[in-house]
Amino acid sequence: MNLEKNKPTKIFLIGQSGSGKTTLGKKLSAKLKFDFLDTDESITNEFASSISEIFKSKGELFFRNEEKKILDSLKNKVNIVVSTGGGLPEINDSFEMMQDNGLVIWIKSSPSEIEKRLLNSNRGHRPLLFNNELSLIENLETQLEKRYDVYSKADLIIVNDKIDEAETIEMILEELKNYE
C-alpha cells in the first residue's frame, strides 16, 4: 500500500462480478468530475462481442491480456475512475500496477447479495458465473475464496451489502477525504 495519502487522480474499482463496480464507477466519476472507463465494456466494444463470445473464441487469457493492455494505456491518464473485470487483479502484476498508479477500492459484496442482483442479469456478460455445473451461489462463493487474498490488499474496502448506491458513493467519498 502506498503510505502517502495524496489525493488520488486514478481510482480502480475491483470486486466480483455483480458487486456494482460499473454502476458505482459511473456515479463516483460524475461526483468527482473524473472520466470513467469500464475495462469489460472497452473490450466488448473493441471486439464487438460479448465477454462469453470472447472467452469462447479467444480464451480467458486473451481477455485478461486485453484488460492488462488497458491498464498499461492508463499510466499517464489522470482524473479517471476505472471499473475492472472481476478477475483482472489476479492476472500477473495487474493488482500491483493498479496500486502503483492509483487508489484501489474493493467493492465488497457477499455472494448471497450478488446472487440476488444477478438472477435476472445478462449471463453473457458473466461467463465464469453461469457456464458450469455449479449453482450461481456456489460459483460466487468459490470465486470469492479464490480471489479473497488479492482483493483484500486493496487500499480501501467498501462493503455494500444491504445499502443502496447513493449510500455506497457517500461512503467512498467520505473515505476519499482522508486523501486530501
N, C-alpha and C. Protein backbone atom coordinates (compact mmCIF):
# COMPACT_ATOMS: atom_id res chain seq x y z
N MET A 1 0.84 -1.18 0.00
CA MET A 1 0.00 0.00 0.00
C MET A 1 0.88 1.24 0.00
N ASN A 2 0.49 2.20 -0.80
CA ASN A 2 1.19 3.48 -0.85
C ASN A 2 0.82 4.26 0.41
N LEU A 3 1.82 4.58 1.23
CA LEU A 3 1.54 5.23 2.51
C LEU A 3 1.30 6.72 2.37
N GLU A 4 1.70 7.30 1.25
CA GLU A 4 1.43 8.72 1.04
C GLU A 4 -0.06 8.88 0.78
N LYS A 5 -0.66 9.82 1.47
CA LYS A 5 -2.11 9.99 1.35
C LYS A 5 -2.42 11.16 0.41
N ASN A 6 -1.81 11.15 -0.77
CA ASN A 6 -2.09 12.18 -1.77
C ASN A 6 -3.48 11.95 -2.34
N LYS A 7 -4.08 13.03 -2.79
CA LYS A 7 -5.39 12.90 -3.42
C LYS A 7 -5.24 12.04 -4.68
N PRO A 8 -5.99 10.95 -4.76
CA PRO A 8 -5.85 10.07 -5.93
C PRO A 8 -6.39 10.71 -7.20
N THR A 9 -5.66 10.54 -8.28
CA THR A 9 -6.13 11.02 -9.58
C THR A 9 -6.60 9.86 -10.45
N LYS A 10 -6.41 8.66 -9.92
CA LYS A 10 -6.86 7.44 -10.61
C LYS A 10 -7.44 6.52 -9.54
N ILE A 11 -8.65 6.06 -9.76
CA ILE A 11 -9.30 5.15 -8.81
C ILE A 11 -9.70 3.90 -9.56
N PHE A 12 -9.27 2.75 -9.03
CA PHE A 12 -9.61 1.46 -9.62
C PHE A 12 -10.60 0.75 -8.71
N LEU A 13 -11.73 0.36 -9.26
CA LEU A 13 -12.72 -0.40 -8.51
C LEU A 13 -12.56 -1.87 -8.85
N ILE A 14 -12.33 -2.68 -7.82
CA ILE A 14 -12.20 -4.12 -8.02
C ILE A 14 -13.30 -4.81 -7.23
N GLY A 15 -13.53 -6.07 -7.55
CA GLY A 15 -14.53 -6.85 -6.85
C GLY A 15 -15.17 -7.84 -7.79
N GLN A 16 -16.01 -8.67 -7.22
CA GLN A 16 -16.65 -9.70 -8.01
C GLN A 16 -17.65 -9.12 -9.00
N SER A 17 -17.90 -9.88 -10.03
CA SER A 17 -18.93 -9.56 -10.99
C SER A 17 -20.25 -9.42 -10.23
N GLY A 18 -20.96 -8.33 -10.46
CA GLY A 18 -22.23 -8.12 -9.78
C GLY A 18 -22.13 -7.33 -8.50
N SER A 19 -20.93 -6.91 -8.14
CA SER A 19 -20.77 -6.15 -6.90
C SER A 19 -21.17 -4.68 -7.07
N GLY A 20 -21.32 -4.24 -8.30
CA GLY A 20 -21.76 -2.88 -8.56
C GLY A 20 -20.67 -1.94 -9.04
N LYS A 21 -19.54 -2.48 -9.47
CA LYS A 21 -18.39 -1.64 -9.85
C LYS A 21 -18.74 -0.66 -10.97
N THR A 22 -19.42 -1.11 -11.99
CA THR A 22 -19.71 -0.24 -13.13
C THR A 22 -20.69 0.86 -12.74
N THR A 23 -21.79 0.48 -12.13
CA THR A 23 -22.79 1.47 -11.72
C THR A 23 -22.19 2.48 -10.76
N LEU A 24 -21.47 1.98 -9.76
CA LEU A 24 -20.85 2.87 -8.78
C LEU A 24 -19.76 3.73 -9.42
N GLY A 25 -19.00 3.13 -10.33
CA GLY A 25 -17.93 3.86 -11.01
C GLY A 25 -18.45 5.04 -11.80
N LYS A 26 -19.55 4.84 -12.50
CA LYS A 26 -20.16 5.93 -13.27
C LYS A 26 -20.60 7.07 -12.35
N LYS A 27 -21.23 6.70 -11.25
CA LYS A 27 -21.74 7.71 -10.33
C LYS A 27 -20.59 8.41 -9.58
N LEU A 28 -19.60 7.63 -9.19
CA LEU A 28 -18.45 8.21 -8.49
C LEU A 28 -17.69 9.16 -9.41
N SER A 29 -17.50 8.75 -10.65
CA SER A 29 -16.76 9.62 -11.58
C SER A 29 -17.52 10.92 -11.82
N ALA A 30 -18.84 10.86 -11.88
CA ALA A 30 -19.64 12.08 -12.05
C ALA A 30 -19.48 13.00 -10.84
N LYS A 31 -19.52 12.43 -9.64
CA LYS A 31 -19.36 13.23 -8.42
C LYS A 31 -17.99 13.89 -8.35
N LEU A 32 -16.96 13.15 -8.77
CA LEU A 32 -15.58 13.67 -8.71
C LEU A 32 -15.22 14.51 -9.93
N LYS A 33 -16.10 14.50 -10.95
CA LYS A 33 -15.81 15.15 -12.24
C LYS A 33 -14.58 14.51 -12.90
N PHE A 34 -14.52 13.17 -12.80
CA PHE A 34 -13.47 12.37 -13.42
C PHE A 34 -14.06 11.68 -14.65
N ASP A 35 -13.18 11.21 -15.53
CA ASP A 35 -13.61 10.35 -16.62
C ASP A 35 -13.94 8.98 -16.04
N PHE A 36 -14.65 8.17 -16.81
CA PHE A 36 -14.97 6.81 -16.38
C PHE A 36 -14.61 5.83 -17.48
N LEU A 37 -14.06 4.69 -17.08
CA LEU A 37 -13.74 3.62 -18.03
C LEU A 37 -14.09 2.29 -17.39
N ASP A 38 -14.80 1.48 -18.14
CA ASP A 38 -15.12 0.11 -17.73
C ASP A 38 -14.30 -0.82 -18.62
N THR A 39 -13.39 -1.59 -18.05
CA THR A 39 -12.50 -2.41 -18.88
C THR A 39 -13.29 -3.46 -19.67
N ASP A 40 -14.30 -4.05 -19.04
CA ASP A 40 -15.11 -5.05 -19.76
C ASP A 40 -15.79 -4.42 -20.98
N GLU A 41 -16.39 -3.26 -20.76
CA GLU A 41 -17.11 -2.58 -21.83
C GLU A 41 -16.16 -2.16 -22.96
N SER A 42 -14.97 -1.70 -22.60
CA SER A 42 -13.99 -1.31 -23.62
C SER A 42 -13.64 -2.49 -24.52
N ILE A 43 -13.45 -3.64 -23.91
CA ILE A 43 -13.06 -4.82 -24.69
C ILE A 43 -14.22 -5.33 -25.53
N THR A 44 -15.41 -5.41 -24.94
CA THR A 44 -16.55 -5.91 -25.72
C THR A 44 -16.87 -4.96 -26.88
N ASN A 45 -16.69 -3.66 -26.67
CA ASN A 45 -16.91 -2.71 -27.76
C ASN A 45 -15.84 -2.87 -28.84
N GLU A 46 -14.59 -3.01 -28.42
CA GLU A 46 -13.50 -3.14 -29.39
C GLU A 46 -13.67 -4.37 -30.28
N PHE A 47 -14.09 -5.48 -29.68
CA PHE A 47 -14.21 -6.72 -30.44
C PHE A 47 -15.64 -7.00 -30.91
N ALA A 48 -16.56 -6.11 -30.61
CA ALA A 48 -17.96 -6.25 -30.99
C ALA A 48 -18.49 -7.64 -30.65
N SER A 49 -18.15 -8.10 -29.45
CA SER A 49 -18.57 -9.41 -28.97
C SER A 49 -18.82 -9.34 -27.48
N SER A 50 -19.64 -10.27 -27.00
CA SER A 50 -19.85 -10.36 -25.56
C SER A 50 -18.62 -10.98 -24.91
N ILE A 51 -18.53 -10.85 -23.61
CA ILE A 51 -17.42 -11.47 -22.88
C ILE A 51 -17.45 -12.98 -23.10
N SER A 52 -18.65 -13.58 -23.05
CA SER A 52 -18.77 -15.03 -23.28
C SER A 52 -18.23 -15.42 -24.64
N GLU A 53 -18.57 -14.64 -25.66
CA GLU A 53 -18.09 -14.95 -27.02
C GLU A 53 -16.58 -14.82 -27.12
N ILE A 54 -16.02 -13.80 -26.47
CA ILE A 54 -14.57 -13.61 -26.48
C ILE A 54 -13.89 -14.76 -25.75
N PHE A 55 -14.43 -15.14 -24.59
CA PHE A 55 -13.86 -16.27 -23.84
C PHE A 55 -13.90 -17.53 -24.70
N LYS A 56 -15.03 -17.74 -25.39
CA LYS A 56 -15.21 -18.96 -26.18
C LYS A 56 -14.29 -18.98 -27.40
N SER A 57 -14.16 -17.86 -28.10
CA SER A 57 -13.39 -17.85 -29.34
C SER A 57 -11.90 -17.62 -29.13
N LYS A 58 -11.55 -16.82 -28.12
CA LYS A 58 -10.14 -16.45 -27.94
C LYS A 58 -9.56 -16.90 -26.61
N GLY A 59 -10.42 -17.22 -25.64
CA GLY A 59 -9.96 -17.70 -24.34
C GLY A 59 -9.92 -16.61 -23.28
N GLU A 60 -10.01 -17.04 -22.03
CA GLU A 60 -9.98 -16.09 -20.90
C GLU A 60 -8.65 -15.36 -20.83
N LEU A 61 -7.55 -16.08 -21.10
CA LEU A 61 -6.23 -15.44 -21.02
C LEU A 61 -6.12 -14.28 -22.01
N PHE A 62 -6.64 -14.45 -23.22
CA PHE A 62 -6.65 -13.37 -24.20
C PHE A 62 -7.39 -12.16 -23.63
N PHE A 63 -8.57 -12.41 -23.04
CA PHE A 63 -9.38 -11.33 -22.47
C PHE A 63 -8.60 -10.61 -21.37
N ARG A 64 -7.98 -11.37 -20.48
CA ARG A 64 -7.22 -10.78 -19.37
C ARG A 64 -6.03 -9.97 -19.90
N ASN A 65 -5.40 -10.45 -20.96
CA ASN A 65 -4.29 -9.69 -21.56
C ASN A 65 -4.79 -8.37 -22.15
N GLU A 66 -5.98 -8.38 -22.71
CA GLU A 66 -6.56 -7.15 -23.24
C GLU A 66 -6.84 -6.17 -22.09
N GLU A 67 -7.31 -6.70 -20.95
CA GLU A 67 -7.53 -5.85 -19.78
C GLU A 67 -6.21 -5.23 -19.33
N LYS A 68 -5.18 -6.04 -19.33
CA LYS A 68 -3.86 -5.55 -18.90
C LYS A 68 -3.35 -4.45 -19.84
N LYS A 69 -3.60 -4.60 -21.13
CA LYS A 69 -3.22 -3.56 -22.09
C LYS A 69 -3.91 -2.24 -21.75
N ILE A 70 -5.17 -2.33 -21.33
CA ILE A 70 -5.90 -1.12 -20.94
C ILE A 70 -5.22 -0.48 -19.75
N LEU A 71 -4.84 -1.29 -18.75
CA LEU A 71 -4.12 -0.75 -17.59
C LEU A 71 -2.85 -0.04 -18.03
N ASP A 72 -2.09 -0.67 -18.92
CA ASP A 72 -0.86 -0.06 -19.42
C ASP A 72 -1.15 1.30 -20.07
N SER A 73 -2.25 1.37 -20.81
CA SER A 73 -2.58 2.60 -21.53
C SER A 73 -2.99 3.74 -20.59
N LEU A 74 -3.30 3.41 -19.34
CA LEU A 74 -3.78 4.42 -18.39
C LEU A 74 -2.67 5.01 -17.53
N LYS A 75 -1.44 4.56 -17.71
CA LYS A 75 -0.36 5.01 -16.83
C LYS A 75 -0.25 6.52 -16.72
N ASN A 76 -0.43 7.23 -17.82
CA ASN A 76 -0.29 8.69 -17.81
C ASN A 76 -1.62 9.42 -17.73
N LYS A 77 -2.69 8.68 -17.59
CA LYS A 77 -4.03 9.28 -17.51
C LYS A 77 -4.30 9.72 -16.07
N VAL A 78 -4.95 10.86 -15.91
CA VAL A 78 -5.34 11.33 -14.58
C VAL A 78 -6.83 11.63 -14.56
N ASN A 79 -7.35 11.74 -13.36
CA ASN A 79 -8.77 12.04 -13.15
C ASN A 79 -9.67 11.04 -13.86
N ILE A 80 -9.52 9.78 -13.44
CA ILE A 80 -10.31 8.71 -14.03
C ILE A 80 -10.68 7.68 -12.97
N VAL A 81 -11.90 7.17 -13.08
CA VAL A 81 -12.36 6.03 -12.29
C VAL A 81 -12.45 4.86 -13.25
N VAL A 82 -11.85 3.73 -12.86
CA VAL A 82 -11.81 2.55 -13.72
C VAL A 82 -12.52 1.39 -13.02
N SER A 83 -13.54 0.87 -13.67
CA SER A 83 -14.19 -0.34 -13.21
C SER A 83 -13.51 -1.51 -13.91
N THR A 84 -12.95 -2.42 -13.11
CA THR A 84 -12.19 -3.53 -13.68
C THR A 84 -13.02 -4.80 -13.74
N GLY A 85 -12.61 -5.71 -14.60
CA GLY A 85 -13.21 -7.04 -14.61
C GLY A 85 -12.86 -7.74 -13.31
N GLY A 86 -13.75 -8.59 -12.83
CA GLY A 86 -13.56 -9.24 -11.54
C GLY A 86 -12.27 -10.02 -11.41
N GLY A 87 -11.80 -10.60 -12.52
CA GLY A 87 -10.59 -11.42 -12.46
C GLY A 87 -9.30 -10.68 -12.73
N LEU A 88 -9.39 -9.43 -13.15
CA LEU A 88 -8.18 -8.70 -13.52
C LEU A 88 -7.14 -8.62 -12.40
N PRO A 89 -7.52 -8.38 -11.15
CA PRO A 89 -6.49 -8.27 -10.11
C PRO A 89 -5.63 -9.52 -9.94
N GLU A 90 -6.13 -10.67 -10.39
CA GLU A 90 -5.39 -11.92 -10.25
C GLU A 90 -4.30 -12.09 -11.31
N ILE A 91 -4.37 -11.36 -12.38
CA ILE A 91 -3.51 -11.60 -13.53
C ILE A 91 -2.15 -10.93 -13.36
N ASN A 92 -1.10 -11.75 -13.39
CA ASN A 92 0.29 -11.30 -13.31
C ASN A 92 0.45 -10.17 -12.31
N ASP A 93 0.95 -9.05 -12.76
CA ASP A 93 1.20 -7.92 -11.85
C ASP A 93 0.14 -6.83 -11.98
N SER A 94 -1.05 -7.20 -12.41
CA SER A 94 -2.11 -6.20 -12.62
C SER A 94 -2.49 -5.47 -11.34
N PHE A 95 -2.63 -6.19 -10.24
CA PHE A 95 -3.00 -5.54 -8.99
C PHE A 95 -1.94 -4.53 -8.58
N GLU A 96 -0.69 -4.94 -8.65
CA GLU A 96 0.40 -4.04 -8.28
C GLU A 96 0.44 -2.83 -9.20
N MET A 97 0.17 -3.04 -10.48
CA MET A 97 0.15 -1.94 -11.43
C MET A 97 -0.93 -0.93 -11.05
N MET A 98 -2.10 -1.44 -10.66
CA MET A 98 -3.17 -0.54 -10.25
C MET A 98 -2.78 0.21 -8.98
N GLN A 99 -2.25 -0.50 -8.01
CA GLN A 99 -1.91 0.12 -6.74
C GLN A 99 -0.76 1.14 -6.89
N ASP A 100 0.18 0.85 -7.79
CA ASP A 100 1.28 1.79 -8.02
C ASP A 100 0.83 3.06 -8.74
N ASN A 101 -0.30 2.98 -9.43
CA ASN A 101 -0.75 4.10 -10.26
C ASN A 101 -2.02 4.79 -9.78
N GLY A 102 -2.57 4.31 -8.68
CA GLY A 102 -3.81 4.92 -8.20
C GLY A 102 -4.26 4.29 -6.90
N LEU A 103 -5.50 4.58 -6.57
CA LEU A 103 -6.12 4.06 -5.36
C LEU A 103 -7.00 2.88 -5.75
N VAL A 104 -6.83 1.75 -5.08
CA VAL A 104 -7.61 0.55 -5.38
C VAL A 104 -8.68 0.39 -4.31
N ILE A 105 -9.93 0.33 -4.75
CA ILE A 105 -11.07 0.17 -3.84
C ILE A 105 -11.77 -1.14 -4.16
N TRP A 106 -11.87 -2.00 -3.16
CA TRP A 106 -12.62 -3.25 -3.30
C TRP A 106 -14.06 -2.97 -2.96
N ILE A 107 -14.95 -3.13 -3.93
CA ILE A 107 -16.39 -3.06 -3.70
C ILE A 107 -16.78 -4.47 -3.27
N LYS A 108 -16.95 -4.64 -1.98
CA LYS A 108 -17.13 -5.96 -1.39
C LYS A 108 -18.62 -6.23 -1.14
N SER A 109 -19.10 -7.24 -1.82
CA SER A 109 -20.48 -7.69 -1.65
C SER A 109 -20.45 -9.18 -1.32
N SER A 110 -21.34 -9.61 -0.48
CA SER A 110 -21.39 -11.03 -0.15
C SER A 110 -21.94 -11.82 -1.34
N PRO A 111 -21.54 -13.08 -1.47
CA PRO A 111 -22.09 -13.90 -2.55
C PRO A 111 -23.61 -13.93 -2.57
N SER A 112 -24.25 -13.96 -1.40
CA SER A 112 -25.72 -14.01 -1.39
C SER A 112 -26.33 -12.70 -1.91
N GLU A 113 -25.69 -11.57 -1.59
CA GLU A 113 -26.16 -10.28 -2.10
C GLU A 113 -25.98 -10.21 -3.63
N ILE A 114 -24.83 -10.66 -4.11
CA ILE A 114 -24.58 -10.65 -5.56
C ILE A 114 -25.56 -11.58 -6.26
N GLU A 115 -25.83 -12.74 -5.66
CA GLU A 115 -26.77 -13.68 -6.28
C GLU A 115 -28.12 -13.00 -6.50
N LYS A 116 -28.61 -12.26 -5.51
CA LYS A 116 -29.89 -11.55 -5.66
C LYS A 116 -29.84 -10.59 -6.83
N ARG A 117 -28.73 -9.89 -6.99
CA ARG A 117 -28.59 -8.89 -8.06
C ARG A 117 -28.50 -9.53 -9.44
N LEU A 118 -27.90 -10.72 -9.50
CA LEU A 118 -27.60 -11.32 -10.80
C LEU A 118 -28.65 -12.28 -11.34
N LEU A 119 -29.62 -12.64 -10.56
CA LEU A 119 -30.57 -13.66 -11.00
C LEU A 119 -31.22 -13.32 -12.34
N ASN A 120 -31.44 -12.05 -12.59
CA ASN A 120 -32.07 -11.65 -13.86
C ASN A 120 -31.11 -10.86 -14.75
N SER A 121 -29.80 -11.10 -14.59
CA SER A 121 -28.83 -10.30 -15.32
C SER A 121 -28.44 -10.93 -16.66
N ASN A 122 -27.62 -10.20 -17.38
CA ASN A 122 -27.09 -10.67 -18.67
C ASN A 122 -26.04 -11.74 -18.41
N ARG A 123 -26.38 -12.97 -18.68
CA ARG A 123 -25.47 -14.08 -18.41
C ARG A 123 -24.26 -14.05 -19.34
N GLY A 124 -24.39 -13.49 -20.52
CA GLY A 124 -23.27 -13.42 -21.46
C GLY A 124 -22.16 -12.51 -20.98
N HIS A 125 -22.50 -11.64 -20.05
CA HIS A 125 -21.52 -10.71 -19.50
C HIS A 125 -20.74 -11.32 -18.35
N ARG A 126 -21.18 -12.50 -17.90
CA ARG A 126 -20.57 -13.12 -16.72
C ARG A 126 -20.33 -14.61 -16.95
N PRO A 127 -19.47 -14.94 -17.90
CA PRO A 127 -19.30 -16.35 -18.28
C PRO A 127 -18.74 -17.23 -17.17
N LEU A 128 -17.96 -16.69 -16.28
CA LEU A 128 -17.37 -17.52 -15.23
C LEU A 128 -18.37 -17.87 -14.13
N LEU A 129 -19.51 -17.22 -14.12
CA LEU A 129 -20.50 -17.49 -13.10
C LEU A 129 -21.63 -18.39 -13.57
N PHE A 130 -21.86 -18.46 -14.87
CA PHE A 130 -23.03 -19.17 -15.36
C PHE A 130 -22.73 -20.37 -16.25
N ASN A 131 -21.49 -20.62 -16.59
CA ASN A 131 -21.21 -21.67 -17.57
C ASN A 131 -20.54 -22.91 -16.99
N ASN A 132 -21.10 -23.50 -15.96
CA ASN A 132 -20.63 -24.79 -15.48
C ASN A 132 -21.71 -25.46 -14.66
N GLU A 133 -21.37 -26.56 -14.02
CA GLU A 133 -22.37 -27.34 -13.30
C GLU A 133 -22.75 -26.77 -11.94
N LEU A 134 -21.98 -25.83 -11.41
CA LEU A 134 -22.27 -25.28 -10.10
C LEU A 134 -23.41 -24.27 -10.17
N SER A 135 -24.09 -24.10 -9.06
CA SER A 135 -25.13 -23.07 -8.99
C SER A 135 -24.45 -21.70 -8.95
N LEU A 136 -25.22 -20.66 -9.16
CA LEU A 136 -24.68 -19.30 -9.12
C LEU A 136 -24.03 -19.02 -7.77
N ILE A 137 -24.71 -19.36 -6.68
CA ILE A 137 -24.14 -19.08 -5.35
C ILE A 137 -22.86 -19.88 -5.13
N GLU A 138 -22.81 -21.12 -5.58
CA GLU A 138 -21.59 -21.92 -5.43
C GLU A 138 -20.44 -21.29 -6.23
N ASN A 139 -20.73 -20.84 -7.44
CA ASN A 139 -19.71 -20.17 -8.26
C ASN A 139 -19.21 -18.90 -7.57
N LEU A 140 -20.13 -18.11 -7.04
CA LEU A 140 -19.76 -16.87 -6.37
C LEU A 140 -18.89 -17.14 -5.14
N GLU A 141 -19.28 -18.12 -4.35
CA GLU A 141 -18.51 -18.46 -3.14
C GLU A 141 -17.12 -18.97 -3.50
N THR A 142 -17.04 -19.84 -4.51
CA THR A 142 -15.75 -20.39 -4.94
C THR A 142 -14.86 -19.27 -5.48
N GLN A 143 -15.44 -18.41 -6.30
CA GLN A 143 -14.69 -17.30 -6.88
C GLN A 143 -14.16 -16.35 -5.80
N LEU A 144 -14.99 -16.02 -4.83
CA LEU A 144 -14.57 -15.13 -3.75
C LEU A 144 -13.42 -15.76 -2.96
N GLU A 145 -13.55 -17.03 -2.67
CA GLU A 145 -12.48 -17.72 -1.93
C GLU A 145 -11.16 -17.64 -2.70
N LYS A 146 -11.24 -17.84 -3.99
CA LYS A 146 -10.05 -17.82 -4.85
C LYS A 146 -9.41 -16.42 -4.92
N ARG A 147 -10.24 -15.40 -4.94
CA ARG A 147 -9.75 -14.03 -5.15
C ARG A 147 -9.59 -13.23 -3.86
N TYR A 148 -10.00 -13.77 -2.75
CA TYR A 148 -10.05 -13.01 -1.50
C TYR A 148 -8.70 -12.40 -1.13
N ASP A 149 -7.63 -13.18 -1.23
CA ASP A 149 -6.32 -12.68 -0.81
C ASP A 149 -5.90 -11.45 -1.61
N VAL A 150 -6.13 -11.48 -2.91
CA VAL A 150 -5.72 -10.33 -3.72
C VAL A 150 -6.67 -9.14 -3.50
N TYR A 151 -7.97 -9.40 -3.45
CA TYR A 151 -8.92 -8.31 -3.22
C TYR A 151 -8.63 -7.62 -1.89
N SER A 152 -8.29 -8.40 -0.87
CA SER A 152 -8.12 -7.83 0.47
C SER A 152 -6.89 -6.93 0.60
N LYS A 153 -6.06 -6.87 -0.44
CA LYS A 153 -4.90 -5.96 -0.43
C LYS A 153 -5.28 -4.55 -0.89
N ALA A 154 -6.54 -4.34 -1.22
CA ALA A 154 -6.99 -3.03 -1.70
C ALA A 154 -6.71 -1.95 -0.66
N ASP A 155 -6.54 -0.72 -1.15
CA ASP A 155 -6.31 0.42 -0.26
C ASP A 155 -7.53 0.71 0.60
N LEU A 156 -8.71 0.55 0.02
CA LEU A 156 -9.98 0.74 0.74
C LEU A 156 -10.89 -0.45 0.46
N ILE A 157 -11.65 -0.83 1.46
CA ILE A 157 -12.66 -1.88 1.29
C ILE A 157 -14.00 -1.27 1.66
N ILE A 158 -14.90 -1.26 0.71
CA ILE A 158 -16.23 -0.69 0.91
C ILE A 158 -17.25 -1.83 0.80
N VAL A 159 -17.91 -2.13 1.90
CA VAL A 159 -18.91 -3.20 1.93
C VAL A 159 -20.26 -2.58 1.55
N ASN A 160 -20.85 -3.11 0.47
CA ASN A 160 -22.11 -2.51 0.00
C ASN A 160 -23.29 -3.48 0.06
N ASP A 161 -23.26 -4.39 0.99
CA ASP A 161 -24.43 -5.25 1.21
C ASP A 161 -25.53 -4.44 1.88
N LYS A 162 -26.73 -4.63 1.41
CA LYS A 162 -27.92 -4.07 2.04
C LYS A 162 -27.91 -2.53 2.13
N ILE A 163 -27.12 -1.88 1.29
CA ILE A 163 -27.20 -0.42 1.20
C ILE A 163 -27.33 -0.03 -0.27
N ASP A 164 -27.91 1.11 -0.52
CA ASP A 164 -28.11 1.49 -1.92
C ASP A 164 -26.88 2.18 -2.49
N GLU A 165 -26.97 2.47 -3.77
CA GLU A 165 -25.83 3.07 -4.49
C GLU A 165 -25.44 4.42 -3.92
N ALA A 166 -26.42 5.24 -3.58
CA ALA A 166 -26.13 6.58 -3.05
C ALA A 166 -25.36 6.47 -1.74
N GLU A 167 -25.77 5.55 -0.87
CA GLU A 167 -25.06 5.37 0.41
C GLU A 167 -23.64 4.87 0.18
N THR A 168 -23.48 3.97 -0.78
CA THR A 168 -22.15 3.44 -1.10
C THR A 168 -21.24 4.55 -1.61
N ILE A 169 -21.77 5.39 -2.50
CA ILE A 169 -20.98 6.52 -3.03
C ILE A 169 -20.59 7.45 -1.88
N GLU A 170 -21.50 7.74 -0.98
CA GLU A 170 -21.19 8.61 0.15
C GLU A 170 -20.09 8.01 1.02
N MET A 171 -20.13 6.68 1.22
CA MET A 171 -19.07 6.02 1.99
C MET A 171 -17.72 6.20 1.31
N ILE A 172 -17.69 6.03 0.00
CA ILE A 172 -16.44 6.18 -0.74
C ILE A 172 -15.94 7.62 -0.65
N LEU A 173 -16.83 8.58 -0.89
CA LEU A 173 -16.43 9.99 -0.83
C LEU A 173 -15.92 10.36 0.56
N GLU A 174 -16.53 9.82 1.59
CA GLU A 174 -16.08 10.08 2.95
C GLU A 174 -14.66 9.54 3.15
N GLU A 175 -14.41 8.34 2.66
CA GLU A 175 -13.07 7.74 2.77
C GLU A 175 -12.04 8.54 1.96
N LEU A 176 -12.46 9.08 0.82
CA LEU A 176 -11.54 9.84 -0.02
C LEU A 176 -11.09 11.13 0.65
N LYS A 177 -11.85 11.63 1.60
CA LYS A 177 -11.46 12.84 2.33
C LYS A 177 -10.15 12.63 3.07
N ASN A 178 -9.84 11.37 3.41
CA ASN A 178 -8.57 11.05 4.09
C ASN A 178 -7.36 11.24 3.19
N TYR A 179 -7.61 11.46 1.90
CA TYR A 179 -6.52 11.59 0.93
C TYR A 179 -6.34 13.02 0.46
N GLU A 180 -7.01 13.96 1.10
CA GLU A 180 -6.91 15.36 0.64
C GLU A 180 -5.93 16.14 1.46
